[in-house]
């Protein structure tokens, strides 16, 4: 890190190089030495303390895109994936005064260009300068772990717009989950905002679905109904605030939801399963004029009964990521202990054991949900201080 106008502090020394995992061939990761990046205007350098593994990381590692070099190798070798990370601010770029060295932060993935129509609306996850090849970095757009290097390393630069202060009472592992909860919060925001007493179905008890049930209950939803295929995940949903759970392998979810709501159906459905018939089932769970938020990525095109949507005045919304600063609202709920996001954190590994951590996440070993990898900075610093 060379720039003379970058602020550092002797209590947080920054090395010249760091350990970083990089892509090789599809499915291949290598641990190498990389130069520690230098924060520019409106950026800070974050010492990465913990990173959660997301299903999208597995896709990027296996298939390359969207982590592509514009106009270059279709599989971006030497790229560092990983995007759900938190850490400590250790250097400030020129002019940065929003954060101090030593602040604990968690980070959003996306820093939009700040210039296009969507960014000015706060929809930076829908930035018009995403570009054909997934990101115009020279226009200011960044998506760490997607278009620019991510968090499976020791240090990373982040735009100040992507940072969220976290409470000292929040563990590193819990802090990695703020963005996941923020995605759920963004979905409910885009549905028009949940009013206390509105009824909600969340379909699919993955990380976003489980925290979707938690956020909905924290916002005052009544009832919150969670649907899925695995009883242990559904039980987690109860711990996070779901009033009712439905195992779709044992009963028809539409009939069950109708029964639980006296035949009326619910006001909102947050669809997190990506199942082929999910939209049609969601529509039939709703009362007329209800709303569906699509937060999952189905693997194939799915047939949708558009006529049913139109006849029943049903609204359909798609979200990408954690836009409109929803992460800040999610962090506030977590800071207030409105729900315990750590329920979904199941396994922790050292960063040097990332391949094994990825195997746990991919194969759901021991029913892994959120797998977190940690750097050893804090342990090393504590040992040096003794």
Protein backbone atom coordinates (compact mmCIF):
# COMPACT_ATOMS: atom_id res chain seq x y z
CA UNK A 1 0.00 0.00 0.00
CA UNK A 2 1.87 3.05 -1.29
CA UNK A 3 -0.29 6.20 -1.53
CA UNK A 4 1.10 8.95 0.73
CA UNK A 5 -2.32 10.55 1.34
CA UNK A 6 -3.77 7.35 2.83
CA UNK A 7 -4.25 7.51 6.60
CA UNK A 8 -3.00 4.61 8.71
CA UNK A 9 -2.37 4.05 12.42
CA UNK A 10 0.49 2.23 14.18
CA UNK A 11 -2.00 0.18 16.20
CA UNK A 12 -3.25 -1.32 12.92
CA UNK A 13 -0.14 -2.03 10.83
CA UNK A 14 -0.83 -2.85 7.18
CA UNK A 15 1.54 -5.26 5.41
CA UNK A 16 2.62 -4.92 1.80
CA UNK A 17 1.26 -8.36 0.85
CA UNK A 18 -1.45 -10.69 2.10
CA UNK A 19 -2.69 -14.23 1.70
CA UNK A 20 -5.59 -14.50 -0.75
CA UNK A 21 -7.54 -17.33 -2.35
CA UNK A 22 -7.82 -16.96 -6.13
CA UNK A 23 -9.61 -18.79 -8.92
CA UNK A 24 -7.66 -21.09 -11.20
CA UNK A 25 -9.52 -23.41 -13.53
CA UNK A 26 -13.24 -24.01 -12.89
CA UNK A 27 -13.68 -25.33 -9.36
CA UNK A 28 -10.04 -24.66 -8.49
CA UNK A 29 -8.87 -22.30 -5.74
CA UNK A 30 -5.24 -21.52 -4.90
CA UNK A 31 -3.84 -19.69 -1.87
CA UNK A 32 -1.29 -17.11 -3.02
CA UNK A 33 0.39 -13.88 -1.93
CA UNK A 34 -1.30 -10.77 -3.28
CA UNK A 35 -0.48 -7.09 -2.89
CA UNK A 36 -2.67 -5.40 -0.27
CA UNK A 37 -4.91 -2.97 -2.19
CA UNK A 38 -4.73 0.78 -1.57
CA UNK A 39 -7.93 2.71 -0.78
CA UNK A 40 -8.70 5.57 -3.13
CA UNK A 41 -11.04 8.54 -2.73
CA UNK A 42 -14.21 7.53 -0.80
CA UNK A 43 -12.70 4.14 0.07
CA UNK A 44 -11.32 2.46 3.18
CA UNK A 45 -9.19 -0.61 3.66
CA UNK A 46 -10.91 -3.30 5.71
CA UNK A 47 -8.95 -5.96 7.57
CA UNK A 48 -11.21 -8.93 6.97
CA UNK A 49 -11.99 -10.79 10.18
CA UNK A 50 -14.76 -13.15 9.04
CA UNK A 51 -16.57 -14.14 5.83
CA UNK A 52 -19.77 -16.15 5.41
CA UNK A 53 -20.14 -18.45 2.40
CA UNK A 54 -23.05 -17.80 0.05
CA UNK A 55 -24.47 -20.13 -2.60
CA UNK A 56 -23.46 -17.53 -5.19
CA UNK A 57 -19.82 -17.97 -4.17
CA UNK A 58 -20.12 -21.64 -5.05
CA UNK A 59 -21.50 -20.72 -8.50
CA UNK A 60 -18.69 -18.26 -9.18
CA UNK A 61 -16.01 -20.74 -8.13
CA UNK A 62 -17.54 -23.50 -10.26
CA UNK A 63 -18.48 -21.52 -13.37
CA UNK A 64 -16.51 -18.27 -13.41
CA UNK A 65 -19.10 -15.75 -14.59
CA UNK A 66 -20.17 -13.27 -13.42
CA UNK A 67 -16.58 -12.84 -12.23
CA UNK A 68 -15.34 -12.08 -15.74
CA UNK A 69 -12.66 -9.79 -17.05
CA UNK A 70 -14.33 -7.46 -19.54
CA UNK A 71 -13.42 -8.65 -22.99
CA UNK A 72 -10.90 -11.12 -21.58
CA UNK A 73 -10.66 -14.66 -20.29
CA UNK A 74 -14.20 -16.05 -19.83
CA UNK A 75 -13.01 -17.62 -16.60
CA UNK A 76 -11.38 -14.96 -14.46
CA UNK A 77 -8.19 -16.50 -13.13
CA UNK A 78 -6.50 -14.88 -10.12
CA UNK A 79 -9.83 -13.37 -9.06
CA UNK A 80 -10.65 -13.50 -5.33
CA UNK A 81 -14.32 -14.37 -4.66
CA UNK A 82 -16.27 -13.98 -1.41
CA UNK A 83 -18.66 -11.17 -0.59
CA UNK A 84 -20.36 -11.61 2.82
CA UNK A 85 -17.53 -10.27 4.96
CA UNK A 86 -16.94 -8.05 7.96
CA UNK A 87 -13.86 -6.64 9.60
CA UNK A 88 -11.98 -3.65 10.98
CA UNK A 89 -11.16 -0.38 9.22
CA UNK A 90 -7.34 -0.10 9.10
CA UNK A 91 -6.71 2.65 6.53
CA UNK A 92 -8.64 5.62 5.13
CA UNK A 93 -8.50 6.83 1.54
CA UNK A 94 -8.13 10.53 0.70
CA UNK A 95 -10.85 12.70 2.21
CA UNK A 96 -12.60 9.92 4.14
CA UNK A 97 -13.99 11.15 7.47
CA UNK A 98 -17.16 9.04 7.75
CA UNK A 99 -15.25 6.22 9.44
CA UNK A 100 -12.31 5.97 11.80
CA UNK A 101 -9.44 3.52 11.90
CA UNK A 102 -10.41 0.77 14.33
CA UNK A 103 -14.15 0.86 13.52
CA UNK A 104 -15.78 -2.55 13.21
CA UNK A 105 -17.89 -2.77 10.07
CA UNK A 106 -19.78 -5.20 7.93
CA UNK A 107 -20.02 -4.61 4.21
CA UNK A 108 -22.53 -4.66 1.40
CA UNK A 109 -21.55 -6.17 -1.93
CA UNK A 110 -22.55 -3.37 -4.26
CA UNK A 111 -21.26 0.13 -4.73
CA UNK A 112 -23.16 1.46 -7.74
CA UNK A 113 -21.74 4.09 -10.04
CA UNK A 114 -23.65 6.81 -8.13
CA UNK A 115 -24.46 8.55 -11.41
CA UNK A 116 -27.20 6.58 -13.17
CA UNK A 117 -30.94 6.93 -12.56
CA UNK A 118 -31.22 3.78 -10.45
CA UNK A 119 -28.28 4.66 -8.21
CA UNK A 120 -29.78 8.10 -7.57
CA UNK A 121 -32.97 6.31 -6.50
CA UNK A 122 -31.02 4.16 -4.04
CA UNK A 123 -31.31 1.10 -6.29
CA UNK A 124 -27.56 0.60 -6.61
CA UNK A 125 -27.98 -3.19 -6.91
CA UNK A 126 -29.72 -2.37 -10.23
CA UNK A 127 -27.03 0.08 -11.37
CA UNK A 128 -27.26 0.83 -15.08
CA UNK A 129 -23.48 0.67 -15.23
CA UNK A 130 -23.39 -2.99 -14.30
CA UNK A 131 -22.42 -3.33 -17.91
CA UNK A 132 -22.69 -6.12 -20.46
CA UNK A 133 -19.88 -8.07 -18.84
CA UNK A 134 -21.10 -7.56 -15.29
CA UNK A 135 -19.54 -4.36 -14.09
CA UNK A 136 -18.01 -1.16 -15.42
CA UNK A 137 -15.39 -0.59 -12.77
CA UNK A 138 -14.02 2.52 -14.49
CA UNK A 139 -17.51 4.08 -14.17
CA UNK A 140 -17.36 3.60 -10.40
CA UNK A 141 -19.39 0.43 -10.16
CA UNK A 142 -18.04 -2.22 -7.78
CA UNK A 143 -19.48 -5.51 -6.60
CA UNK A 144 -16.85 -7.09 -4.39
CA UNK A 145 -16.64 -10.82 -4.94
CA UNK A 146 -18.42 -10.41 -8.30
CA UNK A 147 -16.84 -7.70 -10.46
CA UNK A 148 -13.94 -6.79 -8.19
CA UNK A 149 -11.88 -8.83 -5.76
CA UNK A 150 -13.81 -10.07 -2.75
CA UNK A 151 -13.27 -11.23 0.78
CA UNK A 152 -11.56 -14.63 0.76
CA UNK A 153 -8.33 -12.89 1.73
CA UNK A 154 -6.91 -10.75 4.52
CA UNK A 155 -7.61 -7.17 3.37
CA UNK A 156 -10.00 -5.53 0.91
CA UNK A 157 -10.97 -2.02 -0.16
CA UNK A 158 -14.56 -0.87 0.15
CA UNK A 159 -16.42 2.26 -0.85
CA UNK A 160 -17.74 4.12 2.20
CA UNK A 161 -21.28 3.66 0.83
CA UNK A 162 -21.00 -0.09 1.39
CA UNK A 163 -20.07 0.02 5.08
CA UNK A 164 -22.32 -0.51 8.09
CA UNK A 165 -21.14 0.15 11.64
CA UNK A 166 -21.70 -2.82 13.92
CA UNK A 167 -22.15 -2.88 17.68
CA UNK A 168 -19.30 -4.12 19.87
CA UNK A 169 -21.79 -6.61 21.32
CA UNK A 170 -22.16 -8.27 17.92
CA UNK A 171 -19.85 -11.20 17.23
CA UNK A 172 -17.86 -11.39 14.02
CA UNK A 173 -19.93 -14.37 12.89
CA UNK A 174 -23.22 -12.56 13.50
CA UNK A 175 -21.94 -9.49 11.65
CA UNK A 176 -21.41 -11.56 8.47
CA UNK A 177 -25.19 -12.20 8.47
CA UNK A 178 -26.27 -8.55 8.36
CA UNK A 179 -26.29 -8.53 4.55
CA UNK A 180 -28.41 -11.69 4.44
CA UNK A 181 -30.95 -10.10 6.78
CA UNK A 182 -30.66 -6.92 4.72
CA UNK A 183 -31.70 -8.79 1.59
CA UNK A 184 -34.84 -9.99 3.38
CA UNK A 185 -35.47 -6.45 4.62
CA UNK A 186 -35.07 -5.09 1.09
CA UNK A 187 -37.65 -7.54 -0.23
CA UNK A 188 -40.25 -6.44 2.32
CA UNK A 189 -39.38 -2.80 1.61
CA UNK A 190 -39.99 -3.24 -2.10
CA UNK A 191 -43.37 -4.84 -1.42
CA UNK A 192 -44.40 -1.46 -0.06
CA UNK A 193 -43.39 -1.91 3.55
CA UNK A 194 -44.96 -4.26 6.02
CA UNK A 195 -47.60 -2.82 8.37
CA UNK A 196 -48.00 -4.50 11.76
CA UNK A 197 -50.68 -7.15 11.46
CA UNK A 198 -50.06 -7.95 7.79
CA UNK A 199 -49.80 -11.66 7.10
CA UNK A 200 -46.75 -13.16 5.39
CA UNK A 201 -45.70 -16.46 3.89
CA UNK A 202 -41.99 -17.09 3.43
CA UNK A 203 -41.29 -20.04 1.13
CA UNK A 204 -37.91 -21.75 1.30
CA UNK A 205 -36.00 -21.94 4.60
CA UNK A 206 -32.54 -21.17 3.28
CA UNK A 207 -30.55 -18.33 4.87
CA UNK A 208 -32.59 -15.54 3.23
CA UNK A 209 -35.88 -17.31 3.90
CA UNK A 210 -35.08 -18.02 7.54
CA UNK A 211 -34.01 -14.44 8.17
CA UNK A 212 -36.98 -13.30 6.09
CA UNK A 213 -39.27 -14.91 8.65
CA UNK A 214 -37.28 -13.22 11.42
CA UNK A 215 -37.44 -9.77 9.82
CA UNK A 216 -41.16 -10.09 9.03
CA UNK A 217 -41.95 -11.00 12.64
CA UNK A 218 -39.73 -8.18 13.93
CA UNK A 219 -41.70 -5.77 11.71
CA UNK A 220 -44.95 -6.95 13.29
CA UNK A 221 -46.30 -9.45 10.77
CA UNK A 222 -49.14 -11.67 12.00
CA UNK A 223 -49.04 -14.49 11.22
CA UNK A 224 -45.70 -15.43 9.71
CA UNK A 225 -45.92 -18.78 7.90
CA UNK A 226 -42.78 -20.59 6.73
CA UNK A 227 -42.90 -23.37 4.15
CA UNK A 228 -40.17 -25.84 3.22
CA UNK A 229 -39.16 -29.47 2.86
CA UNK A 230 -36.97 -30.12 5.92
CA UNK A 231 -38.32 -30.25 9.43
CA UNK A 232 -35.07 -29.18 11.09
CA UNK A 233 -34.96 -26.00 8.99
CA UNK A 234 -38.61 -25.32 9.75
CA UNK A 235 -37.88 -25.70 13.47
CA UNK A 236 -35.16 -23.07 13.08
CA UNK A 237 -37.79 -20.86 11.51
CA UNK A 238 -39.92 -21.19 14.63
CA UNK A 239 -36.98 -20.08 16.76
CA UNK A 240 -36.64 -17.03 14.51
CA UNK A 241 -40.29 -15.99 14.76
CA UNK A 242 -42.41 -18.08 12.39
CA UNK A 243 -45.87 -18.62 13.90
CA UNK A 244 -46.62 -21.65 11.72
CA UNK A 245 -44.51 -23.96 9.58
CA UNK A 246 -45.62 -26.18 6.72
CA UNK A 247 -43.64 -29.13 5.37
CA UNK A 248 -44.68 -29.15 1.71
CA UNK A 249 -43.82 -32.85 1.43
CA UNK A 250 -46.52 -33.69 3.94
CA UNK A 251 -49.33 -31.33 2.96
CA UNK A 252 -50.44 -29.04 0.18
CA UNK A 253 -48.98 -25.62 1.08
CA UNK A 254 -51.76 -23.61 -0.60
CA UNK A 255 -54.49 -25.50 1.23
CA UNK A 256 -52.58 -25.25 4.50
CA UNK A 257 -52.09 -21.48 4.16
CA UNK A 258 -55.75 -20.98 3.26
CA UNK A 259 -56.78 -23.01 6.28
CA UNK A 260 -54.51 -21.04 8.63
CA UNK A 261 -55.95 -17.75 7.36
CA UNK A 262 -59.61 -18.68 7.45
CA UNK A 263 -59.72 -19.06 3.68
CA UNK A 264 -58.59 -15.48 3.04
CA UNK A 265 -54.97 -16.02 2.10
CA UNK A 266 -52.08 -13.77 3.12
CA UNK A 267 -51.06 -10.23 2.21
CA UNK A 268 -47.47 -10.97 1.18
CA UNK A 269 -45.40 -13.93 -0.03
CA UNK A 270 -41.60 -13.74 0.05
CA UNK A 271 -40.47 -16.48 -2.34
CA UNK A 272 -37.01 -17.81 -1.50
CA UNK A 273 -37.18 -21.38 -2.79
CA UNK A 274 -36.72 -21.00 -6.54
CA UNK A 275 -39.00 -24.01 -7.06
CA UNK A 276 -40.50 -24.42 -10.57
CA UNK A 277 -44.10 -23.83 -9.48
CA UNK A 278 -43.28 -21.37 -6.71
CA UNK A 279 -44.86 -18.30 -8.30
CA UNK A 280 -48.14 -20.04 -9.08
CA UNK A 281 -48.35 -21.47 -5.56
CA UNK A 282 -47.48 -18.09 -4.07
CA UNK A 283 -50.26 -16.43 -6.06
CA UNK A 284 -52.83 -18.90 -4.76
CA UNK A 285 -51.69 -18.32 -1.17
CA UNK A 286 -52.48 -14.60 -1.48
CA UNK A 287 -55.64 -12.68 -0.95
CA UNK A 288 -56.75 -10.57 -3.90
CA UNK A 289 -54.49 -7.56 -4.34
CA UNK A 290 -51.64 -9.35 -2.54
CA UNK A 291 -47.96 -9.06 -3.38
CA UNK A 292 -45.16 -11.51 -4.16
CA UNK A 293 -41.45 -10.80 -3.72
CA UNK A 294 -39.11 -13.04 -5.72
CA UNK A 295 -35.76 -13.37 -3.95
CA UNK A 296 -34.54 -16.69 -5.42
CA UNK A 297 -32.89 -17.58 -8.71
CA UNK A 298 -34.63 -20.57 -10.36
CA UNK A 299 -32.27 -22.70 -12.42
CA UNK A 300 -34.71 -22.95 -15.37
CA UNK A 301 -37.49 -20.88 -16.87
CA UNK A 302 -40.78 -21.50 -15.09
CA UNK A 303 -44.34 -21.36 -16.46
CA UNK A 304 -46.49 -18.73 -14.74
CA UNK A 305 -50.26 -18.40 -14.82
CA UNK A 306 -50.32 -14.72 -15.76
CA UNK A 307 -54.09 -14.72 -16.20
CA UNK A 308 -54.51 -15.67 -12.52
CA UNK A 309 -52.23 -12.80 -11.50
CA UNK A 310 -54.19 -10.32 -13.59
CA UNK A 311 -57.65 -11.52 -12.54
CA UNK A 312 -56.69 -11.26 -8.90
CA UNK A 313 -54.78 -7.99 -9.09
CA UNK A 314 -51.61 -9.61 -7.76
CA UNK A 315 -48.36 -7.65 -7.77
CA UNK A 316 -45.04 -9.31 -8.58
CA UNK A 317 -41.66 -7.86 -7.53
CA UNK A 318 -38.14 -9.09 -8.12
CA UNK A 319 -35.21 -7.98 -5.99
CA UNK A 320 -31.49 -8.25 -6.41
CA UNK A 321 -29.34 -8.21 -3.32
CA UNK A 322 -29.62 -5.74 -0.49
CA UNK A 323 -30.54 -2.38 -2.04
CA UNK A 324 -31.82 0.88 -0.60
CA UNK A 325 -29.61 0.65 2.49
CA UNK A 326 -31.80 -2.12 3.90
CA UNK A 327 -28.70 -3.52 5.59
CA UNK A 328 -28.65 -0.55 7.97
CA UNK A 329 -32.20 -1.30 9.07
CA UNK A 330 -31.40 -4.99 9.44
CA UNK A 331 -28.34 -4.19 11.55
CA UNK A 332 -30.50 -1.98 13.79
CA UNK A 333 -32.88 -4.88 14.41
CA UNK A 334 -29.97 -7.21 15.15
CA UNK A 335 -28.36 -4.63 17.45
CA UNK A 336 -31.68 -4.40 19.34
CA UNK A 337 -31.80 -8.22 19.60
CA UNK A 338 -35.15 -8.29 17.79
CA UNK A 339 -34.07 -11.68 16.45
CA UNK A 340 -31.03 -13.93 16.81
CA UNK A 341 -29.47 -14.32 13.37
CA UNK A 342 -26.78 -16.61 14.79
CA UNK A 343 -29.37 -19.41 14.78
CA UNK A 344 -28.46 -20.01 11.12
CA UNK A 345 -24.67 -19.95 11.69
CA UNK A 346 -23.75 -23.61 11.90
CA UNK A 347 -20.02 -24.02 11.19
CA UNK A 348 -16.76 -22.06 11.44
CA UNK A 349 -13.40 -22.72 9.75
CA UNK A 350 -10.06 -20.92 9.50
CA UNK A 351 -9.48 -19.07 6.24
CA UNK A 352 -6.65 -21.46 5.36
CA UNK A 353 -9.24 -24.26 5.39
CA UNK A 354 -11.54 -22.52 2.90
CA UNK A 355 -11.82 -25.52 0.51
CA UNK A 356 -13.19 -27.69 3.33
CA UNK A 357 -15.57 -24.90 4.40
CA UNK A 358 -16.84 -24.68 0.83
CA UNK A 359 -17.39 -28.44 0.78
CA UNK A 360 -19.51 -28.18 3.92
CA UNK A 361 -21.57 -25.40 2.37
CA UNK A 362 -21.97 -27.07 -1.02
CA UNK A 363 -22.78 -30.58 0.22
CA UNK A 364 -24.66 -29.38 3.31
CA UNK A 365 -22.44 -31.55 5.47
CA UNK A 366 -23.97 -31.89 8.95
CA UNK A 367 -26.88 -29.82 7.58
CA UNK A 368 -24.66 -26.76 7.21
CA UNK A 369 -26.57 -23.54 6.61
CA UNK A 370 -24.24 -20.58 7.09
CA UNK A 371 -20.58 -21.54 7.11
CA UNK A 372 -18.17 -18.82 8.24
CA UNK A 373 -14.41 -18.63 7.67
CA UNK A 374 -12.21 -16.51 9.92
CA UNK A 375 -8.83 -14.87 9.57
CA UNK A 376 -6.41 -15.17 12.50
CA UNK A 377 -5.60 -11.44 12.89
CA UNK A 378 -7.26 -11.01 16.27
CA UNK A 379 -5.72 -14.11 17.80
CA UNK A 380 -2.27 -13.09 16.56
CA UNK A 381 -2.65 -9.53 17.87
CA UNK A 382 -3.89 -10.74 21.25
CA UNK A 383 -0.93 -13.13 21.52
CA UNK A 384 1.53 -10.36 20.59
CA UNK A 385 0.05 -8.09 23.27
CA UNK A 386 0.56 -10.66 26.05
